[in-house]
Amino acid sequence: MKYLKSTSCLLVSLFLITEVITAQDWPGFERYRKDNEKVLPPAPNEHRVVFMGNSITDEWIRVSPDFFKDKPYIDRGIGGQTSPQMLVRFRADVIKLKPKVVVILAGTNDIAGNTGPSTLEMIEDNITSMAELARVNGIKVVLSSVLPAYAFPWKPGVEPAEKIAVLNEWIKSYAAKNNFIYVDYYSSMVDQRKGLKSEYSKDGVHPNAAGYKVMEGLVEVAISKAFKNRKQ
């Protein structure tokens, strides 16, 4: 019993410490600050790409490191993040790295309510602001569909499937209207429940190696289109 009490106290303490750290650096500037300082200016003709996102982007380089190896690809995902957090750090983690293309994947954690209640319109506004910031700084934009999810293990009862489908329709339409590139992971990974296919994930939210392989084939095509798109 004493062991259980002490373990519970430890978990509560760790949670409180995490909350304090998050409050002190809500956007997550410190996560990549030192790494960003080491990034050199792009070499001539370098096709640098920054991947901005949440845990799905964050885990990508760990689960599928070969995709990033020997390529001018920079992973700037942070687990648990919502679109407002990404927007705040967009200059530090994207613009200042001077990529030619940014791949934005956002929305899952907003729907989960990780940083508080969020409407679809709020997510759309934040994605719009990131895309506009990229465009005005000469960075070509690839907007990603949100991956399907039937449920969130950390947020029972949210029922995200329909919201994700509606958000993806908006992202696709917004990209078309603004001459951005849309990469549709959703259609290739969704099951009959509008969740993530079991062969692509263990928890129904985060891709496994097979899931990332699907995404990689799709995003490479999207990146190539972005480089060819001269009207952005």
C-alpha atoms as a PDB file:
ATOM      1  CA  MET A   1       0.000   0.000   0.000  1.00  0.00           C
ATOM      2  CA  LYS A   2       2.826   2.398   0.859  1.00  0.00           C
ATOM      3  CA  TYR A   3       4.429   1.550  -2.475  1.00  0.00           C
ATOM      4  CA  LEU A   4       1.219   2.357  -4.356  1.00  0.00           C
ATOM      5  CA  LYS A   5       0.834   5.660  -2.522  1.00  0.00           C
ATOM      6  CA  SER A   6       4.436   6.653  -3.213  1.00  0.00           C
ATOM      7  CA  THR A   7       4.091   5.700  -6.885  1.00  0.00           C
ATOM      8  CA  SER A   8       0.902   7.746  -7.186  1.00  0.00           C
ATOM      9  CA  CYS A   9       2.587  10.720  -5.563  1.00  0.00           C
ATOM     10  CA  LEU A  10       5.514  10.386  -7.964  1.00  0.00           C
ATOM     11  CA  LEU A  11       3.225  10.309 -10.996  1.00  0.00           C
ATOM     12  CA  VAL A  12       1.329  13.361  -9.750  1.00  0.00           C
ATOM     13  CA  SER A  13       4.610  15.178  -9.148  1.00  0.00           C
ATOM     14  CA  LEU A  14       5.877  14.345 -12.618  1.00  0.00           C
ATOM     15  CA  PHE A  15       2.594  15.534 -14.125  1.00  0.00           C
ATOM     16  CA  LEU A  16       2.791  18.829 -12.242  1.00  0.00           C
ATOM     17  CA  ILE A  17       6.407  19.346 -13.283  1.00  0.00           C
ATOM     18  CA  THR A  18       5.450  18.698 -16.914  1.00  0.00           C
ATOM     19  CA  GLU A  19       2.587  21.177 -16.644  1.00  0.00           C
ATOM     20  CA  VAL A  20       4.915  23.843 -15.247  1.00  0.00           C
ATOM     21  CA  ILE A  21       7.496  23.278 -17.993  1.00  0.00           C
ATOM     22  CA  THR A  22       4.782  23.417 -20.658  1.00  0.00           C
ATOM     23  CA  ALA A  23       3.413  26.628 -19.181  1.00  0.00           C
ATOM     24  CA  GLN A  24       6.874  28.184 -19.193  1.00  0.00           C
ATOM     25  CA  ASP A  25       7.522  27.213 -22.825  1.00  0.00           C
ATOM     26  CA  TRP A  26       4.043  26.693 -24.224  1.00  0.00           C
ATOM     27  CA  PRO A  27       5.056  26.770 -27.925  1.00  0.00           C
ATOM     28  CA  GLY A  28       8.011  24.419 -27.361  1.00  0.00           C
ATOM     29  CA  PHE A  29      10.766  26.778 -28.496  1.00  0.00           C
ATOM     30  CA  GLU A  30      13.387  24.946 -26.451  1.00  0.00           C
ATOM     31  CA  ARG A  31      12.809  21.602 -28.151  1.00  0.00           C
ATOM     32  CA  TYR A  32      14.721  22.567 -31.299  1.00  0.00           C
ATOM     33  CA  ARG A  33      16.514  25.760 -30.270  1.00  0.00           C
ATOM     34  CA  LYS A  34      20.003  24.220 -30.145  1.00  0.00           C
ATOM     35  CA  ASP A  35      19.386  22.133 -33.258  1.00  0.00           C
ATOM     36  CA  ASN A  36      18.237  25.206 -35.161  1.00  0.00           C
ATOM     37  CA  GLU A  37      21.405  27.068 -34.193  1.00  0.00           C
ATOM     38  CA  LYS A  38      23.418  24.320 -35.907  1.00  0.00           C
ATOM     39  CA  VAL A  39      21.475  24.452 -39.180  1.00  0.00           C
ATOM     40  CA  LEU A  40      23.612  26.050 -41.879  1.00  0.00           C
ATOM     41  CA  PRO A  41      22.220  28.250 -44.644  1.00  0.00           C
ATOM     42  CA  PRO A  42      20.972  26.197 -47.585  1.00  0.00           C
ATOM     43  CA  ALA A  43      23.591  25.220 -50.134  1.00  0.00           C
ATOM     44  CA  PRO A  44      23.071  26.402 -53.724  1.00  0.00           C
ATOM     45  CA  ASN A  45      20.331  24.339 -55.373  1.00  0.00           C
ATOM     46  CA  GLU A  46      19.524  22.597 -52.078  1.00  0.00           C
ATOM     47  CA  HIS A  47      15.885  21.507 -51.974  1.00  0.00           C
ATOM     48  CA  ARG A  48      15.413  21.913 -48.236  1.00  0.00           C
ATOM     49  CA  VAL A  49      12.112  20.766 -46.770  1.00  0.00           C
ATOM     50  CA  VAL A  50      10.861  21.285 -43.207  1.00  0.00           C
ATOM     51  CA  PHE A  51       8.203  18.984 -41.782  1.00  0.00           C
ATOM     52  CA  MET A  52       6.087  20.867 -39.235  1.00  0.00           C
ATOM     53  CA  GLY A  53       3.715  18.879 -37.064  1.00  0.00           C
ATOM     54  CA  ASN A  54       2.829  16.992 -33.915  1.00  0.00           C
ATOM     55  CA  SER A  55       3.784  13.510 -32.661  1.00  0.00           C
ATOM     56  CA  ILE A  56       3.047  11.927 -36.038  1.00  0.00           C
ATOM     57  CA  THR A  57       5.776  14.121 -37.528  1.00  0.00           C
ATOM     58  CA  ASP A  58       7.932  13.896 -34.401  1.00  0.00           C
ATOM     59  CA  GLU A  59       8.007  10.077 -34.514  1.00  0.00           C
ATOM     60  CA  TRP A  60       8.545   9.905 -38.258  1.00  0.00           C
ATOM     61  CA  ILE A  61      12.306  10.317 -38.127  1.00  0.00           C
ATOM     62  CA  ARG A  62      12.620   7.770 -35.321  1.00  0.00           C
ATOM     63  CA  VAL A  63      10.392   5.073 -36.814  1.00  0.00           C
ATOM     64  CA  SER A  64      11.571   5.577 -40.403  1.00  0.00           C
ATOM     65  CA  PRO A  65      15.011   7.229 -40.259  1.00  0.00           C
ATOM     66  CA  ASP A  66      15.990   6.147 -43.769  1.00  0.00           C
ATOM     67  CA  PHE A  67      13.388   8.498 -45.209  1.00  0.00           C
ATOM     68  CA  PHE A  68      15.334  11.475 -43.850  1.00  0.00           C
ATOM     69  CA  LYS A  69      18.835  10.064 -44.343  1.00  0.00           C
ATOM     70  CA  ASP A  70      20.971  11.895 -46.893  1.00  0.00           C
ATOM     71  CA  LYS A  71      18.082  14.197 -47.810  1.00  0.00           C
ATOM     72  CA  PRO A  72      17.711  17.931 -47.065  1.00  0.00           C
ATOM     73  CA  TYR A  73      14.682  17.109 -44.899  1.00  0.00           C
ATOM     74  CA  ILE A  74      14.324  18.631 -41.430  1.00  0.00           C
ATOM     75  CA  ASP A  75      11.851  17.185 -38.904  1.00  0.00           C
ATOM     76  CA  ARG A  76      10.298  19.759 -36.590  1.00  0.00           C
ATOM     77  CA  GLY A  77       7.429  17.817 -35.076  1.00  0.00           C
ATOM     78  CA  ILE A  78       6.618  18.010 -31.364  1.00  0.00           C
ATOM     79  CA  GLY A  79       4.474  15.371 -29.711  1.00  0.00           C
ATOM     80  CA  GLY A  80       1.131  16.524 -28.337  1.00  0.00           C
ATOM     81  CA  GLN A  81       1.153  19.905 -30.043  1.00  0.00           C
ATOM     82  CA  THR A  82      -1.846  21.741 -31.420  1.00  0.00           C
ATOM     83  CA  SER A  83      -1.981  24.144 -34.353  1.00  0.00           C
ATOM     84  CA  PRO A  84      -1.734  27.335 -32.230  1.00  0.00           C
ATOM     85  CA  GLN A  85       1.506  26.059 -30.698  1.00  0.00           C
ATOM     86  CA  MET A  86       2.877  25.297 -34.163  1.00  0.00           C
ATOM     87  CA  LEU A  87       1.863  28.743 -35.377  1.00  0.00           C
ATOM     88  CA  VAL A  88       3.742  30.471 -32.548  1.00  0.00           C
ATOM     89  CA  ARG A  89       6.963  28.570 -33.261  1.00  0.00           C
ATOM     90  CA  PHE A  90       6.584  28.674 -37.057  1.00  0.00           C
ATOM     91  CA  ARG A  91       9.155  31.432 -37.526  1.00  0.00           C
ATOM     92  CA  ALA A  92      11.765  29.781 -35.326  1.00  0.00           C
ATOM     93  CA  ASP A  93      11.312  26.229 -36.561  1.00  0.00           C
ATOM     94  CA  VAL A  94      10.451  26.821 -40.224  1.00  0.00           C
ATOM     95  CA  ILE A  95      11.036  30.299 -41.656  1.00  0.00           C
ATOM     96  CA  LYS A  96      14.455  30.898 -40.104  1.00  0.00           C
ATOM     97  CA  LEU A  97      15.688  27.562 -41.462  1.00  0.00           C
ATOM     98  CA  LYS A  98      15.060  28.898 -44.990  1.00  0.00           C
ATOM     99  CA  PRO A  99      13.463  25.844 -46.588  1.00  0.00           C
ATOM    100  CA  LYS A 100      12.050  25.879 -50.083  1.00  0.00           C
ATOM    101  CA  VAL A 101       9.092  23.752 -48.992  1.00  0.00           C
ATOM    102  CA  VAL A 102       7.209  23.222 -45.737  1.00  0.00           C
ATOM    103  CA  VAL A 103       4.976  20.201 -45.113  1.00  0.00           C
ATOM    104  CA  ILE A 104       2.331  21.089 -42.517  1.00  0.00           C
ATOM    105  CA  LEU A 105       0.455  18.353 -40.659  1.00  0.00           C
ATOM    106  CA  ALA A 106      -1.827  19.703 -37.935  1.00  0.00           C
ATOM    107  CA  GLY A 107      -5.227  19.198 -36.356  1.00  0.00           C
ATOM    108  CA  THR A 108      -5.280  15.858 -34.531  1.00  0.00           C
ATOM    109  CA  ASN A 109      -4.479  17.250 -31.106  1.00  0.00           C
ATOM    110  CA  ASP A 110      -6.729  20.273 -31.594  1.00  0.00           C
ATOM    111  CA  ILE A 111      -9.666  17.925 -32.088  1.00  0.00           C
ATOM    112  CA  ALA A 112      -8.549  16.004 -29.006  1.00  0.00           C
ATOM    113  CA  GLY A 113      -8.529  19.267 -27.043  1.00  0.00           C
ATOM    114  CA  ASN A 114      -4.917  18.970 -25.896  1.00  0.00           C
ATOM    115  CA  THR A 115      -4.611  22.704 -25.231  1.00  0.00           C
ATOM    116  CA  GLY A 116      -8.262  23.351 -24.545  1.00  0.00           C
ATOM    117  CA  PRO A 117     -11.486  23.371 -26.559  1.00  0.00           C
ATOM    118  CA  SER A 118     -11.003  24.031 -30.265  1.00  0.00           C
ATOM    119  CA  THR A 119     -13.498  24.442 -33.070  1.00  0.00           C
ATOM    120  CA  LEU A 120     -12.746  23.394 -36.634  1.00  0.00           C
ATOM    121  CA  GLU A 121     -12.734  27.069 -37.590  1.00  0.00           C
ATOM    122  CA  MET A 122      -9.974  27.739 -35.065  1.00  0.00           C
ATOM    123  CA  ILE A 123      -7.862  24.954 -36.575  1.00  0.00           C
ATOM    124  CA  GLU A 124      -8.526  26.280 -40.062  1.00  0.00           C
ATOM    125  CA  ASP A 125      -7.459  29.780 -39.008  1.00  0.00           C
ATOM    126  CA  ASN A 126      -4.158  28.512 -37.623  1.00  0.00           C
ATOM    127  CA  ILE A 127      -3.398  26.428 -40.698  1.00  0.00           C
ATOM    128  CA  THR A 128      -4.250  29.443 -42.850  1.00  0.00           C
ATOM    129  CA  SER A 129      -1.871  31.645 -40.862  1.00  0.00           C
ATOM    130  CA  MET A 130       1.001  29.156 -41.183  1.00  0.00           C
ATOM    131  CA  ALA A 131       0.433  28.819 -44.915  1.00  0.00           C
ATOM    132  CA  GLU A 132       0.285  32.593 -45.365  1.00  0.00           C
ATOM    133  CA  LEU A 133       3.475  33.073 -43.344  1.00  0.00           C
ATOM    134  CA  ALA A 134       5.221  30.521 -45.522  1.00  0.00           C
ATOM    135  CA  ARG A 135       3.999  32.081 -48.749  1.00  0.00           C
ATOM    136  CA  VAL A 136       5.043  35.619 -47.835  1.00  0.00           C
ATOM    137  CA  ASN A 137       8.514  34.270 -47.022  1.00  0.00           C
ATOM    138  CA  GLY A 138       8.872  32.486 -50.351  1.00  0.00           C
ATOM    139  CA  ILE A 139       8.320  28.982 -48.977  1.00  0.00           C
ATOM    140  CA  LYS A 140       6.167  26.610 -51.011  1.00  0.00           C
ATOM    141  CA  VAL A 141       3.387  24.959 -49.042  1.00  0.00           C
ATOM    142  CA  VAL A 142       2.302  21.332 -48.785  1.00  0.00           C
ATOM    143  CA  LEU A 143      -0.828  20.924 -46.640  1.00  0.00           C
ATOM    144  CA  SER A 144      -1.411  17.441 -45.255  1.00  0.00           C
ATOM    145  CA  SER A 145      -4.689  15.739 -44.579  1.00  0.00           C
ATOM    146  CA  VAL A 146      -5.175  14.751 -40.958  1.00  0.00           C
ATOM    147  CA  LEU A 147      -4.728  11.011 -40.534  1.00  0.00           C
ATOM    148  CA  PRO A 148      -7.917   9.071 -39.789  1.00  0.00           C
ATOM    149  CA  ALA A 149      -8.687   8.176 -36.175  1.00  0.00           C
ATOM    150  CA  TYR A 150     -11.749   6.453 -34.776  1.00  0.00           C
ATOM    151  CA  ALA A 151     -10.831   7.287 -31.176  1.00  0.00           C
ATOM    152  CA  PHE A 152      -8.045   8.889 -29.133  1.00  0.00           C
ATOM    153  CA  PRO A 153      -6.626   6.564 -26.439  1.00  0.00           C
ATOM    154  CA  TRP A 154      -5.718   9.549 -24.242  1.00  0.00           C
ATOM    155  CA  LYS A 155      -9.093  11.286 -24.686  1.00  0.00           C
ATOM    156  CA  PRO A 156     -11.943   8.739 -24.496  1.00  0.00           C
ATOM    157  CA  GLY A 157     -15.314   9.903 -25.743  1.00  0.00           C
ATOM    158  CA  VAL A 158     -14.096  12.553 -28.180  1.00  0.00           C
ATOM    159  CA  GLU A 159     -15.250  10.653 -31.311  1.00  0.00           C
ATOM    160  CA  PRO A 160     -12.956  12.402 -33.807  1.00  0.00           C
ATOM    161  CA  ALA A 161     -13.715  10.496 -37.020  1.00  0.00           C
ATOM    162  CA  GLU A 162     -16.340  12.815 -38.500  1.00  0.00           C
ATOM    163  CA  LYS A 163     -14.538  15.988 -37.451  1.00  0.00           C
ATOM    164  CA  ILE A 164     -11.356  14.775 -39.137  1.00  0.00           C
ATOM    165  CA  ALA A 165     -13.248  14.036 -42.356  1.00  0.00           C
ATOM    166  CA  VAL A 166     -14.813  17.516 -42.383  1.00  0.00           C
ATOM    167  CA  LEU A 167     -11.498  19.219 -41.600  1.00  0.00           C
ATOM    168  CA  ASN A 168      -9.788  17.340 -44.425  1.00  0.00           C
ATOM    169  CA  GLU A 169     -12.418  18.522 -46.902  1.00  0.00           C
ATOM    170  CA  TRP A 170     -11.676  22.089 -45.854  1.00  0.00           C
ATOM    171  CA  ILE A 171      -7.881  21.598 -46.119  1.00  0.00           C
ATOM    172  CA  LYS A 172      -8.257  20.136 -49.612  1.00  0.00           C
ATOM    173  CA  SER A 173     -10.515  22.990 -50.729  1.00  0.00           C
ATOM    174  CA  TYR A 174      -8.329  25.678 -49.148  1.00  0.00           C
ATOM    175  CA  ALA A 175      -5.213  24.249 -50.809  1.00  0.00           C
ATOM    176  CA  ALA A 176      -6.904  24.211 -54.219  1.00  0.00           C
ATOM    177  CA  LYS A 177      -8.144  27.792 -53.890  1.00  0.00           C
ATOM    178  CA  ASN A 178      -4.725  29.085 -52.884  1.00  0.00           C
ATOM    179  CA  ASN A 179      -2.546  27.024 -55.231  1.00  0.00           C
ATOM    180  CA  PHE A 180      -0.971  25.030 -52.411  1.00  0.00           C
ATOM    181  CA  ILE A 181      -0.258  21.320 -52.701  1.00  0.00           C
ATOM    182  CA  TYR A 182      -2.541  18.937 -50.826  1.00  0.00           C
ATOM    183  CA  VAL A 183      -1.208  15.537 -49.768  1.00  0.00           C
ATOM    184  CA  ASP A 184      -3.992  13.058 -49.040  1.00  0.00           C
ATOM    185  CA  TYR A 185      -2.789  10.496 -46.503  1.00  0.00           C
ATOM    186  CA  TYR A 186      -6.352   9.981 -45.309  1.00  0.00           C
ATOM    187  CA  SER A 187      -7.805   8.171 -48.318  1.00  0.00           C
ATOM    188  CA  SER A 188      -5.011   5.596 -48.425  1.00  0.00           C
ATOM    189  CA  MET A 189      -5.067   4.878 -44.687  1.00  0.00           C
ATOM    190  CA  VAL A 190      -8.730   5.015 -43.629  1.00  0.00           C
ATOM    191  CA  ASP A 191     -10.783   1.922 -42.738  1.00  0.00           C
ATOM    192  CA  GLN A 192     -14.531   1.282 -42.921  1.00  0.00           C
ATOM    193  CA  ARG A 193     -15.090   3.011 -39.541  1.00  0.00           C
ATOM    194  CA  LYS A 194     -13.237   6.149 -40.690  1.00  0.00           C
ATOM    195  CA  GLY A 195     -10.415   5.091 -38.411  1.00  0.00           C
ATOM    196  CA  LEU A 196      -6.771   4.313 -39.158  1.00  0.00           C
ATOM    197  CA  LYS A 197      -6.270   0.870 -40.693  1.00  0.00           C
ATOM    198  CA  SER A 198      -4.930  -1.594 -38.120  1.00  0.00           C
ATOM    199  CA  GLU A 199      -2.021  -2.634 -40.353  1.00  0.00           C
ATOM    200  CA  TYR A 200      -0.744   0.938 -40.240  1.00  0.00           C
ATOM    201  CA  SER A 201      -0.904   1.591 -36.478  1.00  0.00           C
ATOM    202  CA  LYS A 202      -0.829  -0.045 -33.053  1.00  0.00           C
ATOM    203  CA  ASP A 203      -2.933   2.568 -31.259  1.00  0.00           C
ATOM    204  CA  GLY A 204      -5.200   3.775 -34.053  1.00  0.00           C
ATOM    205  CA  VAL A 205      -3.570   7.224 -34.173  1.00  0.00           C
ATOM    206  CA  HIS A 206       0.194   7.002 -34.690  1.00  0.00           C
ATOM    207  CA  PRO A 207       1.603   5.275 -37.780  1.00  0.00           C
ATOM    208  CA  ASN A 208       3.904   2.292 -37.557  1.00  0.00           C
ATOM    209  CA  ALA A 209       6.682   1.660 -40.098  1.00  0.00           C
ATOM    210  CA  ALA A 210       4.184   0.414 -42.684  1.00  0.00           C
ATOM    211  CA  GLY A 211       2.035   3.495 -42.182  1.00  0.00           C
ATOM    212  CA  TYR A 212       4.974   5.830 -42.657  1.00  0.00           C
ATOM    213  CA  LYS A 213       5.923   4.024 -45.857  1.00  0.00           C
ATOM    214  CA  VAL A 214       2.508   4.868 -47.273  1.00  0.00           C
ATOM    215  CA  MET A 215       2.910   8.494 -46.208  1.00  0.00           C
ATOM    216  CA  GLU A 216       6.401   8.738 -47.649  1.00  0.00           C
ATOM    217  CA  GLY A 217       5.352   7.714 -51.128  1.00  0.00           C
ATOM    218  CA  LEU A 218       2.548  10.265 -51.097  1.00  0.00           C
ATOM    219  CA  VAL A 219       4.513  13.154 -49.637  1.00  0.00           C
ATOM    220  CA  GLU A 220       7.432  12.696 -52.035  1.00  0.00           C
ATOM    221  CA  VAL A 221       5.024  13.219 -54.932  1.00  0.00           C
ATOM    222  CA  ALA A 222       3.566  16.276 -53.192  1.00  0.00           C
ATOM    223  CA  ILE A 223       7.004  17.765 -52.546  1.00  0.00           C
ATOM    224  CA  SER A 224       7.955  17.281 -56.198  1.00  0.00           C
ATOM    225  CA  LYS A 225       4.765  19.069 -57.251  1.00  0.00           C
ATOM    226  CA  ALA A 226       5.546  21.932 -54.877  1.00  0.00           C
ATOM    227  CA  PHE A 227       8.960  22.461 -56.419  1.00  0.00           C
ATOM    228  CA  LYS A 228       7.402  22.523 -59.888  1.00  0.00           C
ATOM    229  CA  ASN A 229       4.655  24.918 -58.799  1.00  0.00           C
ATOM    230  CA  ARG A 230       5.899  28.365 -59.816  1.00  0.00           C
ATOM    231  CA  LYS A 231       2.655  30.233 -59.160  1.00  0.00           C
ATOM    232  CA  GLN A 232       2.740  30.178 -55.336  1.00  0.00           C
END
